[in-house]
PDB file of all heavy atoms in Angstrom:
ATOM      1  N   SER A   1     103.868 104.136 115.722  1.00  0.00           N
ATOM      2  CA  SER A   1     102.509 103.672 115.951  1.00  0.00           C
ATOM      3  C   SER A   1     102.452 102.163 115.850  1.00  0.00           C
ATOM      4  O   SER A   1     103.186 101.556 115.070  1.00  0.00           O
ATOM      5  CB  SER A   1     101.539 104.290 114.935  1.00  0.00           C
ATOM      6  OG  SER A   1     101.485 105.696 115.068  1.00  0.00           O
ATOM      7  N   MET A   2     101.586 101.586 116.637  1.00  0.00           N
ATOM      8  CA  MET A   2     101.348 100.161 116.559  1.00  0.00           C
ATOM      9  C   MET A   2      99.855  99.905 116.459  1.00  0.00           C
ATOM     10  O   MET A   2      99.043 100.689 116.961  1.00  0.00           O
ATOM     11  CB  MET A   2     101.936  99.426 117.766  1.00  0.00           C
ATOM     12  CG  MET A   2     103.449  99.555 117.851  1.00  0.00           C
ATOM     13  SD  MET A   2     104.198  98.461 119.070  1.00  0.00           S
ATOM     14  CE  MET A   2     103.980  96.865 118.251  1.00  0.00           C
ATOM     15  N   ALA A   3      99.519  98.824 115.813  1.00  0.00           N
ATOM     16  CA  ALA A   3      98.120  98.510 115.586  1.00  0.00           C
ATOM     17  C   ALA A   3      97.892  97.016 115.654  1.00  0.00           C
ATOM     18  O   ALA A   3      98.806  96.215 115.443  1.00  0.00           O
ATOM     19  CB  ALA A   3      97.658  99.047 114.230  1.00  0.00           C
ATOM     20  N   TRP A   4      96.660  96.677 115.958  1.00  0.00           N
ATOM     21  CA  TRP A   4      96.189  95.311 115.863  1.00  0.00           C
ATOM     22  C   TRP A   4      95.258  95.200 114.662  1.00  0.00           C
ATOM     23  O   TRP A   4      94.324  95.996 114.517  1.00  0.00           O
ATOM     24  CB  TRP A   4      95.456  94.870 117.125  1.00  0.00           C
ATOM     25  CG  TRP A   4      96.361  94.623 118.288  1.00  0.00           C
ATOM     26  CD1 TRP A   4      96.658  95.484 119.296  1.00  0.00           C
ATOM     27  CD2 TRP A   4      97.072  93.412 118.560  1.00  0.00           C
ATOM     28  NE1 TRP A   4      97.520  94.888 120.192  1.00  0.00           N
ATOM     29  CE2 TRP A   4      97.791  93.626 119.762  1.00  0.00           C
ATOM     30  CE3 TRP A   4      97.175  92.180 117.916  1.00  0.00           C
ATOM     31  CZ2 TRP A   4      98.604  92.637 120.327  1.00  0.00           C
ATOM     32  CZ3 TRP A   4      97.985  91.209 118.477  1.00  0.00           C
ATOM     33  CH2 TRP A   4      98.684  91.436 119.666  1.00  0.00           C
ATOM     34  N   PHE A   5      95.540  94.225 113.824  1.00  0.00           N
ATOM     35  CA  PHE A   5      94.696  93.881 112.693  1.00  0.00           C
ATOM     36  C   PHE A   5      94.034  92.540 112.960  1.00  0.00           C
ATOM     37  O   PHE A   5      94.515  91.744 113.771  1.00  0.00           O
ATOM     38  CB  PHE A   5      95.514  93.764 111.404  1.00  0.00           C
ATOM     39  CG  PHE A   5      96.054  95.056 110.868  1.00  0.00           C
ATOM     40  CD1 PHE A   5      97.107  95.710 111.486  1.00  0.00           C
ATOM     41  CD2 PHE A   5      95.518  95.612 109.716  1.00  0.00           C
ATOM     42  CE1 PHE A   5      97.619  96.891 110.979  1.00  0.00           C
ATOM     43  CE2 PHE A   5      96.020  96.788 109.192  1.00  0.00           C
ATOM     44  CZ  PHE A   5      97.067  97.428 109.826  1.00  0.00           C
ATOM     45  N   ARG A   6      92.964  92.278 112.251  1.00  0.00           N
ATOM     46  CA  ARG A   6      92.406  90.940 112.274  1.00  0.00           C
ATOM     47  C   ARG A   6      91.910  90.560 110.886  1.00  0.00           C
ATOM     48  O   ARG A   6      91.526  91.416 110.091  1.00  0.00           O
ATOM     49  CB  ARG A   6      91.286  90.797 113.306  1.00  0.00           C
ATOM     50  CG  ARG A   6      89.996  91.545 112.993  1.00  0.00           C
ATOM     51  CD  ARG A   6      89.023  91.358 114.150  1.00  0.00           C
ATOM     52  NE  ARG A   6      87.756  92.018 113.923  1.00  0.00           N
ATOM     53  CZ  ARG A   6      86.800  92.102 114.829  1.00  0.00           C
ATOM     54  NH1 ARG A   6      86.963  91.560 116.038  1.00  0.00           N
ATOM     55  NH2 ARG A   6      85.661  92.723 114.538  1.00  0.00           N
ATOM     56  N   GLN A   7      91.940  89.273 110.615  1.00  0.00           N
ATOM     57  CA  GLN A   7      91.516  88.743 109.335  1.00  0.00           C
ATOM     58  C   GLN A   7      90.625  87.534 109.578  1.00  0.00           C
ATOM     59  O   GLN A   7      91.120  86.433 109.837  1.00  0.00           O
ATOM     60  CB  GLN A   7      92.717  88.365 108.470  1.00  0.00           C
ATOM     61  CG  GLN A   7      92.345  87.944 107.061  1.00  0.00           C
ATOM     62  CD  GLN A   7      93.559  87.821 106.157  1.00  0.00           C
ATOM     63  OE1 GLN A   7      94.673  87.600 106.629  1.00  0.00           O
ATOM     64  NE2 GLN A   7      93.350  87.979 104.869  1.00  0.00           N
ATOM     65  N   PRO A   8      89.310  87.735 109.504  1.00  0.00           N
ATOM     66  CA  PRO A   8      88.399  86.594 109.615  1.00  0.00           C
ATOM     67  C   PRO A   8      88.548  85.666 108.418  1.00  0.00           C
ATOM     68  O   PRO A   8      89.043  86.073 107.361  1.00  0.00           O
ATOM     69  CB  PRO A   8      87.009  87.249 109.642  1.00  0.00           C
ATOM     70  CG  PRO A   8      87.262  88.686 109.980  1.00  0.00           C
ATOM     71  CD  PRO A   8      88.593  89.003 109.383  1.00  0.00           C
ATOM     72  N   PRO A   9      88.110  84.427 108.544  1.00  0.00           N
ATOM     73  CA  PRO A   9      88.196  83.500 107.408  1.00  0.00           C
ATOM     74  C   PRO A   9      87.484  84.047 106.181  1.00  0.00           C
ATOM     75  O   PRO A   9      86.325  84.466 106.261  1.00  0.00           O
ATOM     76  CB  PRO A   9      87.511  82.240 107.930  1.00  0.00           C
ATOM     77  CG  PRO A   9      87.642  82.318 109.417  1.00  0.00           C
ATOM     78  CD  PRO A   9      87.553  83.777 109.738  1.00  0.00           C
ATOM     79  N   GLY A  10      88.173  84.071 105.056  1.00  0.00           N
ATOM     80  CA  GLY A  10      87.592  84.529 103.811  1.00  0.00           C
ATOM     81  C   GLY A  10      87.424  86.027 103.686  1.00  0.00           C
ATOM     82  O   GLY A  10      86.838  86.485 102.695  1.00  0.00           O
ATOM     83  N   LYS A  11      87.903  86.792 104.652  1.00  0.00           N
ATOM     84  CA  LYS A  11      87.754  88.239 104.638  1.00  0.00           C
ATOM     85  C   LYS A  11      89.116  88.919 104.538  1.00  0.00           C
ATOM     86  O   LYS A  11      90.157  88.299 104.722  1.00  0.00           O
ATOM     87  CB  LYS A  11      87.030  88.722 105.897  1.00  0.00           C
ATOM     88  CG  LYS A  11      85.680  88.084 106.131  1.00  0.00           C
ATOM     89  CD  LYS A  11      84.664  88.506 105.092  1.00  0.00           C
ATOM     90  CE  LYS A  11      83.295  87.936 105.413  1.00  0.00           C
ATOM     91  NZ  LYS A  11      82.286  88.336 104.401  1.00  0.00           N
ATOM     92  N   GLU A  12      89.088  90.222 104.256  1.00  0.00           N
ATOM     93  CA  GLU A  12      90.315  91.002 104.179  1.00  0.00           C
ATOM     94  C   GLU A  12      90.776  91.423 105.559  1.00  0.00           C
ATOM     95  O   GLU A  12      89.985  91.572 106.491  1.00  0.00           O
ATOM     96  CB  GLU A  12      90.111  92.237 103.302  1.00  0.00           C
ATOM     97  CG  GLU A  12      89.842  91.923 101.845  1.00  0.00           C
ATOM     98  CD  GLU A  12      89.761  93.173 100.992  1.00  0.00           C
ATOM     99  OE1 GLU A  12      89.781  94.289 101.559  1.00  0.00           O
ATOM    100  OE2 GLU A  12      89.678  93.037  99.763  1.00  0.00           O
ATOM    101  N   ARG A  13      92.076  91.624 105.679  1.00  0.00           N
ATOM    102  CA  ARG A  13      92.653  92.100 106.916  1.00  0.00           C
ATOM    103  C   ARG A  13      92.290  93.567 107.132  1.00  0.00           C
ATOM    104  O   ARG A  13      92.331  94.369 106.196  1.00  0.00           O
ATOM    105  CB  ARG A  13      94.172  91.924 106.863  1.00  0.00           C
ATOM    106  CG  ARG A  13      94.923  92.383 108.090  1.00  0.00           C
ATOM    107  CD  ARG A  13      96.428  92.321 107.838  1.00  0.00           C
ATOM    108  NE  ARG A  13      96.889  90.949 107.651  1.00  0.00           N
ATOM    109  CZ  ARG A  13      98.123  90.625 107.273  1.00  0.00           C
ATOM    110  NH1 ARG A  13      99.014  91.577 107.027  1.00  0.00           N
ATOM    111  NH2 ARG A  13      98.457  89.353 107.129  1.00  0.00           N
ATOM    112  N   ASP A  14      91.943  93.921 108.367  1.00  0.00           N
ATOM    113  CA  ASP A  14      91.587  95.297 108.653  1.00  0.00           C
ATOM    114  C   ASP A  14      91.984  95.652 110.079  1.00  0.00           C
ATOM    115  O   ASP A  14      92.141  94.781 110.939  1.00  0.00           O
ATOM    116  CB  ASP A  14      90.094  95.534 108.446  1.00  0.00           C
ATOM    117  CG  ASP A  14      89.755  97.001 108.199  1.00  0.00           C
ATOM    118  OD1 ASP A  14      90.679  97.837 108.118  1.00  0.00           O
ATOM    119  OD2 ASP A  14      88.555  97.323 108.091  1.00  0.00           O
ATOM    120  N   VAL A  15      92.126  96.947 110.327  1.00  0.00           N
ATOM    121  CA  VAL A  15      92.539  97.453 111.630  1.00  0.00           C
ATOM    122  C   VAL A  15      91.406  97.350 112.630  1.00  0.00           C
ATOM    123  O   VAL A  15      90.265  97.711 112.328  1.00  0.00           O
ATOM    124  CB  VAL A  15      92.996  98.919 111.523  1.00  0.00           C
ATOM    125  CG1 VAL A  15      93.323  99.481 112.901  1.00  0.00           C
ATOM    126  CG2 VAL A  15      94.192  99.047 110.595  1.00  0.00           C
ATOM    127  N   VAL A  16      91.709  96.881 113.827  1.00  0.00           N
ATOM    128  CA  VAL A  16      90.744  96.909 114.909  1.00  0.00           C
ATOM    129  C   VAL A  16      91.117  97.910 115.991  1.00  0.00           C
ATOM    130  O   VAL A  16      90.227  98.429 116.672  1.00  0.00           O
ATOM    131  CB  VAL A  16      90.519  95.517 115.535  1.00  0.00           C
ATOM    132  CG1 VAL A  16      89.901  94.578 114.513  1.00  0.00           C
ATOM    133  CG2 VAL A  16      91.823  94.928 116.071  1.00  0.00           C
ATOM    134  N   ALA A  17      92.400  98.193 116.168  1.00  0.00           N
ATOM    135  CA  ALA A  17      92.829  99.128 117.193  1.00  0.00           C
ATOM    136  C   ALA A  17      94.216  99.635 116.872  1.00  0.00           C
ATOM    137  O   ALA A  17      95.030  98.910 116.303  1.00  0.00           O
ATOM    138  CB  ALA A  17      92.827  98.478 118.580  1.00  0.00           C
ATOM    139  N   GLY A  18      94.487 100.878 117.239  1.00  0.00           N
ATOM    140  CA  GLY A  18      95.801 101.458 117.044  1.00  0.00           C
ATOM    141  C   GLY A  18      96.189 102.319 118.225  1.00  0.00           C
ATOM    142  O   GLY A  18      95.328 102.844 118.938  1.00  0.00           O
ATOM    143  N   ILE A  19      97.493 102.459 118.430  1.00  0.00           N
ATOM    144  CA  ILE A  19      98.005 103.287 119.514  1.00  0.00           C
ATOM    145  C   ILE A  19      99.251 104.016 119.044  1.00  0.00           C
ATOM    146  O   ILE A  19     100.092 103.445 118.347  1.00  0.00           O
ATOM    147  CB  ILE A  19      98.289 102.450 120.779  1.00  0.00           C
ATOM    148  CG1 ILE A  19      98.695 103.350 121.949  1.00  0.00           C
ATOM    149  CG2 ILE A  19      99.353 101.385 120.515  1.00  0.00           C
ATOM    150  CD1 ILE A  19      98.695 102.624 123.290  1.00  0.00           C
ATOM    151  N   ASN A  20      99.351 105.284 119.420  1.00  0.00           N
ATOM    152  CA  ASN A  20     100.563 106.050 119.198  1.00  0.00           C
ATOM    153  C   ASN A  20     101.476 105.828 120.390  1.00  0.00           C
ATOM    154  O   ASN A  20     101.106 106.122 121.531  1.00  0.00           O
ATOM    155  CB  ASN A  20     100.228 107.533 119.032  1.00  0.00           C
ATOM    156  CG  ASN A  20     101.441 108.382 118.725  1.00  0.00           C
ATOM    157  OD1 ASN A  20     102.299 108.593 119.580  1.00  0.00           O
ATOM    158  ND2 ASN A  20     101.516 108.876 117.495  1.00  0.00           N
ATOM    159  N   TRP A  21     102.664 105.293 120.134  1.00  0.00           N
ATOM    160  CA  TRP A  21     103.562 104.928 121.222  1.00  0.00           C
ATOM    161  C   TRP A  21     103.970 106.123 122.063  1.00  0.00           C
ATOM    162  O   TRP A  21     104.108 106.014 123.281  1.00  0.00           O
ATOM    163  CB  TRP A  21     104.796 104.214 120.668  1.00  0.00           C
ATOM    164  CG  TRP A  21     105.560 103.504 121.728  1.00  0.00           C
ATOM    165  CD1 TRP A  21     106.617 103.973 122.436  1.00  0.00           C
ATOM    166  CD2 TRP A  21     105.307 102.182 122.210  1.00  0.00           C
ATOM    167  NE1 TRP A  21     107.045 103.038 123.342  1.00  0.00           N
ATOM    168  CE2 TRP A  21     106.263 101.920 123.220  1.00  0.00           C
ATOM    169  CE3 TRP A  21     104.368 101.196 121.886  1.00  0.00           C
ATOM    170  CZ2 TRP A  21     106.292 100.711 123.913  1.00  0.00           C
ATOM    171  CZ3 TRP A  21     104.404  99.994 122.569  1.00  0.00           C
ATOM    172  CH2 TRP A  21     105.363  99.768 123.567  1.00  0.00           C
ATOM    173  N   SER A  22     104.170 107.259 121.421  1.00  0.00           N
ATOM    174  CA  SER A  22     104.642 108.442 122.121  1.00  0.00           C
ATOM    175  C   SER A  22     103.545 109.104 122.946  1.00  0.00           C
ATOM    176  O   SER A  22     103.736 109.388 124.129  1.00  0.00           O
ATOM    177  CB  SER A  22     105.221 109.438 121.114  1.00  0.00           C
ATOM    178  OG  SER A  22     105.650 110.620 121.759  1.00  0.00           O
ATOM    179  N   SER A  23     102.404 109.365 122.325  1.00  0.00           N
ATOM    180  CA  SER A  23     101.332 110.109 122.982  1.00  0.00           C
ATOM    181  C   SER A  23     100.371 109.228 123.757  1.00  0.00           C
ATOM    182  O   SER A  23      99.696 109.697 124.667  1.00  0.00           O
ATOM    183  CB  SER A  23     100.545 110.916 121.954  1.00  0.00           C
ATOM    184  OG  SER A  23      99.795 110.062 121.116  1.00  0.00           O
ATOM    185  N   GLY A  24     100.276 107.954 123.393  1.00  0.00           N
ATOM    186  CA  GLY A  24      99.308 107.064 124.001  1.00  0.00           C
ATOM    187  C   GLY A  24      97.913 107.171 123.419  1.00  0.00           C
ATOM    188  O   GLY A  24      97.003 106.482 123.901  1.00  0.00           O
ATOM    189  N   ILE A  25      97.719 108.011 122.410  1.00  0.00           N
ATOM    190  CA  ILE A  25      96.417 108.160 121.791  1.00  0.00           C
ATOM    191  C   ILE A  25      96.006 106.859 121.120  1.00  0.00           C
ATOM    192  O   ILE A  25      96.799 106.240 120.414  1.00  0.00           O
ATOM    193  CB  ILE A  25      96.426 109.313 120.767  1.00  0.00           C
ATOM    194  CG1 ILE A  25      96.635 110.649 121.479  1.00  0.00           C
ATOM    195  CG2 ILE A  25      95.130 109.336 119.967  1.00  0.00           C
ATOM    196  CD1 ILE A  25      96.814 111.817 120.533  1.00  0.00           C
ATOM    197  N   THR A  26      94.775 106.457 121.358  1.00  0.00           N
ATOM    198  CA  THR A  26      94.251 105.212 120.813  1.00  0.00           C
ATOM    199  C   THR A  26      93.002 105.470 119.987  1.00  0.00           C
ATOM    200  O   THR A  26      92.321 106.479 120.159  1.00  0.00           O
ATOM    201  CB  THR A  26      93.909 104.213 121.922  1.00  0.00           C
ATOM    202  OG1 THR A  26      92.890 104.771 122.773  1.00  0.00           O
ATOM    203  CG2 THR A  26      95.134 103.893 122.765  1.00  0.00           C
ATOM    204  N   ASP A  27      92.705 104.548 119.107  1.00  0.00           N
ATOM    205  CA  ASP A  27      91.451 104.574 118.381  1.00  0.00           C
ATOM    206  C   ASP A  27      91.102 103.155 117.975  1.00  0.00           C
ATOM    207  O   ASP A  27      91.972 102.280 117.922  1.00  0.00           O
ATOM    208  CB  ASP A  27      91.516 105.497 117.164  1.00  0.00           C
ATOM    209  CG  ASP A  27      90.158 106.075 116.788  1.00  0.00           C
ATOM    210  OD1 ASP A  27      89.153 105.752 117.455  1.00  0.00           O
ATOM    211  OD2 ASP A  27      90.103 106.862 115.828  1.00  0.00           O
ATOM    212  N   TYR A  28      89.818 102.949 117.681  1.00  0.00           N
ATOM    213  CA  TYR A  28      89.301 101.608 117.467  1.00  0.00           C
ATOM    214  C   TYR A  28      88.314 101.564 116.312  1.00  0.00           C
ATOM    215  O   TYR A  28      87.663 102.559 115.983  1.00  0.00           O
ATOM    216  CB  TYR A  28      88.570 101.118 118.725  1.00  0.00           C
ATOM    217  CG  TYR A  28      89.420 101.105 119.965  1.00  0.00           C
ATOM    218  CD1 TYR A  28      89.527 102.240 120.767  1.00  0.00           C
ATOM    219  CD2 TYR A  28      90.113  99.963 120.341  1.00  0.00           C
ATOM    220  CE1 TYR A  28      90.305 102.227 121.913  1.00  0.00           C
ATOM    221  CE2 TYR A  28      90.888  99.944 121.474  1.00  0.00           C
ATOM    222  CZ  TYR A  28      90.981 101.078 122.259  1.00  0.00           C
ATOM    223  OH  TYR A  28      91.752 101.063 123.395  1.00  0.00           O
ATOM    224  N   ALA A  29      88.197 100.379 115.731  1.00  0.00           N
ATOM    225  CA  ALA A  29      87.106 100.137 114.816  1.00  0.00           C
ATOM    226  C   ALA A  29      85.791 100.193 115.584  1.00  0.00           C
ATOM    227  O   ALA A  29      85.728  99.828 116.763  1.00  0.00           O
ATOM    228  CB  ALA A  29      87.269  98.771 114.143  1.00  0.00           C
ATOM    229  N   GLU A  30      84.742 100.657 114.913  1.00  0.00           N
ATOM    230  CA  GLU A  30      83.449 100.800 115.571  1.00  0.00           C
ATOM    231  C   GLU A  30      82.952  99.479 116.151  1.00  0.00           C
ATOM    232  O   GLU A  30      82.299  99.475 117.198  1.00  0.00           O
ATOM    233  CB  GLU A  30      82.415 101.355 114.588  1.00  0.00           C
ATOM    234  CG  GLU A  30      82.636 102.810 114.204  1.00  0.00           C
ATOM    235  CD  GLU A  30      82.424 103.758 115.367  1.00  0.00           C
ATOM    236  OE1 GLU A  30      81.624 103.434 116.275  1.00  0.00           O
ATOM    237  OE2 GLU A  30      83.047 104.833 115.375  1.00  0.00           O
ATOM    238  N   SER A  31      83.275  98.384 115.513  1.00  0.00           N
ATOM    239  CA  SER A  31      82.766  97.095 115.939  1.00  0.00           C
ATOM    240  C   SER A  31      83.331  96.619 117.273  1.00  0.00           C
ATOM    241  O   SER A  31      82.763  95.721 117.893  1.00  0.00           O
ATOM    242  CB  SER A  31      83.046  96.039 114.861  1.00  0.00           C
ATOM    243  OG  SER A  31      84.434  95.910 114.626  1.00  0.00           O
ATOM    244  N   VAL A  32      84.436  97.211 117.723  1.00  0.00           N
ATOM    245  CA  VAL A  32      85.061  96.749 118.963  1.00  0.00           C
ATOM    246  C   VAL A  32      85.090  97.808 120.051  1.00  0.00           C
ATOM    247  O   VAL A  32      85.531  97.524 121.175  1.00  0.00           O
ATOM    248  CB  VAL A  32      86.497  96.232 118.716  1.00  0.00           C
ATOM    249  CG1 VAL A  32      86.507  95.173 117.624  1.00  0.00           C
ATOM    250  CG2 VAL A  32      87.443  97.379 118.378  1.00  0.00           C
ATOM    251  N   LYS A  33      84.624  99.015 119.772  1.00  0.00           N
ATOM    252  CA  LYS A  33      84.631 100.076 120.775  1.00  0.00           C
ATOM    253  C   LYS A  33      83.819  99.666 121.997  1.00  0.00           C
ATOM    254  O   LYS A  33      82.720  99.139 121.884  1.00  0.00           O
ATOM    255  CB  LYS A  33      84.076 101.373 120.187  1.00  0.00           C
ATOM    256  CG  LYS A  33      85.034 102.094 119.264  1.00  0.00           C
ATOM    257  CD  LYS A  33      84.467 103.420 118.779  1.00  0.00           C
ATOM    258  CE  LYS A  33      85.462 104.162 117.917  1.00  0.00           C
ATOM    259  NZ  LYS A  33      84.928 105.435 117.401  1.00  0.00           N
ATOM    260  N   GLY A  34      84.391  99.913 123.158  1.00  0.00           N
ATOM    261  CA  GLY A  34      83.754  99.549 124.412  1.00  0.00           C
ATOM    262  C   GLY A  34      84.037  98.139 124.857  1.00  0.00           C
ATOM    263  O   GLY A  34      83.728  97.785 126.001  1.00  0.00           O
ATOM    264  N   ARG A  35      84.609  97.320 123.985  1.00  0.00           N
ATOM    265  CA  ARG A  35      84.923  95.931 124.320  1.00  0.00           C
ATOM    266  C   ARG A  35      86.423  95.647 124.315  1.00  0.00           C
ATOM    267  O   ARG A  35      86.899  94.853 125.121  1.00  0.00           O
ATOM    268  CB  ARG A  35      84.229  94.972 123.356  1.00  0.00           C
ATOM    269  CG  ARG A  35      82.711  95.069 123.368  1.00  0.00           C
ATOM    270  CD  ARG A  35      82.072  93.957 122.539  1.00  0.00           C
ATOM    271  NE  ARG A  35      82.459  94.034 121.127  1.00  0.00           N
ATOM    272  CZ  ARG A  35      83.099  93.071 120.472  1.00  0.00           C
ATOM    273  NH1 ARG A  35      83.440  91.947 121.099  1.00  0.00           N
ATOM    274  NH2 ARG A  35      83.393  93.211 119.185  1.00  0.00           N
ATOM    275  N   PHE A  36      87.146  96.268 123.393  1.00  0.00           N
ATOM    276  CA  PHE A  36      88.583  96.039 123.255  1.00  0.00           C
ATOM    277  C   PHE A  36      89.346  97.252 123.769  1.00  0.00           C
ATOM    278  O   PHE A  36      88.896  98.396 123.616  1.00  0.00           O
ATOM    279  CB  PHE A  36      88.973  95.814 121.797  1.00  0.00           C
ATOM    280  CG  PHE A  36      88.513  94.507 121.201  1.00  0.00           C
ATOM    281  CD1 PHE A  36      87.606  93.687 121.844  1.00  0.00           C
ATOM    282  CD2 PHE A  36      89.026  94.111 119.977  1.00  0.00           C
ATOM    283  CE1 PHE A  36      87.188  92.491 121.285  1.00  0.00           C
ATOM    284  CE2 PHE A  36      88.623  92.914 119.402  1.00  0.00           C
ATOM    285  CZ  PHE A  36      87.703  92.105 120.053  1.00  0.00           C
ATOM    286  N   THR A  37      90.512  97.001 124.357  1.00  0.00           N
ATOM    287  CA  THR A  37      91.386  98.063 124.817  1.00  0.00           C
ATOM    288  C   THR A  37      92.813  97.765 124.392  1.00  0.00           C
ATOM    289  O   THR A  37      93.343  96.696 124.704  1.00  0.00           O
ATOM    290  CB  THR A  37      91.339  98.220 126.345  1.00  0.00           C
ATOM    291  OG1 THR A  37      89.994  98.467 126.766  1.00  0.00           O
ATOM    292  CG2 THR A  37      92.223  99.386 126.781  1.00  0.00           C
ATOM    293  N   ILE A  38      93.423  98.707 123.681  1.00  0.00           N
ATOM    294  CA  ILE A  38      94.823  98.587 123.314  1.00  0.00           C
ATOM    295  C   ILE A  38      95.648  99.399 124.306  1.00  0.00           C
ATOM    296  O   ILE A  38      95.251 100.494 124.707  1.00  0.00           O
ATOM    297  CB  ILE A  38      95.072  99.048 121.862  1.00  0.00           C
ATOM    298  CG1 ILE A  38      96.518  98.768 121.436  1.00  0.00           C
ATOM    299  CG2 ILE A  38      94.713 100.512 121.670  1.00  0.00           C
ATOM    300  CD1 ILE A  38      96.773  98.994 119.945  1.00  0.00           C
ATOM    301  N   SER A  39      96.774  98.858 124.716  1.00  0.00           N
ATOM    302  CA  SER A  39      97.626  99.537 125.676  1.00  0.00           C
ATOM    303  C   SER A  39      99.078  99.170 125.421  1.00  0.00           C
ATOM    304  O   SER A  39      99.377  98.249 124.659  1.00  0.00           O
ATOM    305  CB  SER A  39      97.232  99.195 127.117  1.00  0.00           C
ATOM    306  OG  SER A  39      97.383  97.808 127.363  1.00  0.00           O
ATOM    307  N   ARG A  40      99.965  99.901 126.065  1.00  0.00           N
ATOM    308  CA  ARG A  40     101.394  99.664 125.892  1.00  0.00           C
ATOM    309  C   ARG A  40     102.097  99.614 127.239  1.00  0.00           C
ATOM    310  O   ARG A  40     101.644 100.204 128.219  1.00  0.00           O
ATOM    311  CB  ARG A  40     102.023 100.755 125.022  1.00  0.00           C
ATOM    312  CG  ARG A  40     101.759 102.173 125.537  1.00  0.00           C
ATOM    313  CD  ARG A  40     102.515 103.205 124.712  1.00  0.00           C
ATOM    314  NE  ARG A  40     101.985 104.561 124.882  1.00  0.00           N
ATOM    315  CZ  ARG A  40     102.334 105.382 125.864  1.00  0.00           C
ATOM    316  NH1 ARG A  40     103.182 104.984 126.808  1.00  0.00           N
ATOM    317  NH2 ARG A  40     101.816 106.607 125.919  1.00  0.00           N
ATOM    318  N   ASP A  41     103.212  98.909 127.272  1.00  0.00           N
ATOM    319  CA  ASP A  41     104.098  98.850 128.428  1.00  0.00           C
ATOM    320  C   ASP A  41     105.477  99.230 127.922  1.00  0.00           C
ATOM    321  O   ASP A  41     106.152  98.418 127.281  1.00  0.00           O
ATOM    322  CB  ASP A  41     104.098  97.465 129.051  1.00  0.00           C
ATOM    323  CG  ASP A  41     104.890  97.399 130.345  1.00  0.00           C
ATOM    324  OD1 ASP A  41     105.903  98.114 130.480  1.00  0.00           O
ATOM    325  OD2 ASP A  41     104.505  96.612 131.230  1.00  0.00           O
ATOM    326  N   ASN A  42     105.889 100.452 128.207  1.00  0.00           N
ATOM    327  CA  ASN A  42     107.153 100.951 127.674  1.00  0.00           C
ATOM    328  C   ASN A  42     108.345 100.129 128.148  1.00  0.00           C
ATOM    329  O   ASN A  42     109.264  99.853 127.379  1.00  0.00           O
ATOM    330  CB  ASN A  42     107.351 102.414 128.073  1.00  0.00           C
ATOM    331  CG  ASN A  42     106.376 103.346 127.397  1.00  0.00           C
ATOM    332  OD1 ASN A  42     105.281 102.947 127.008  1.00  0.00           O
ATOM    333  ND2 ASN A  42     106.768 104.600 127.254  1.00  0.00           N
TER     334      ASN A  42
END
């Protein structure tokens, strides 16, 4: 699995998007759904 995290200034690091490399299943933090897309190029 691979994921994107982000850490705003003065805040804790948290997951914004993740993808399962094998299945391609993705999921997102509520704050970025509909705006961010995680993808892979094998």
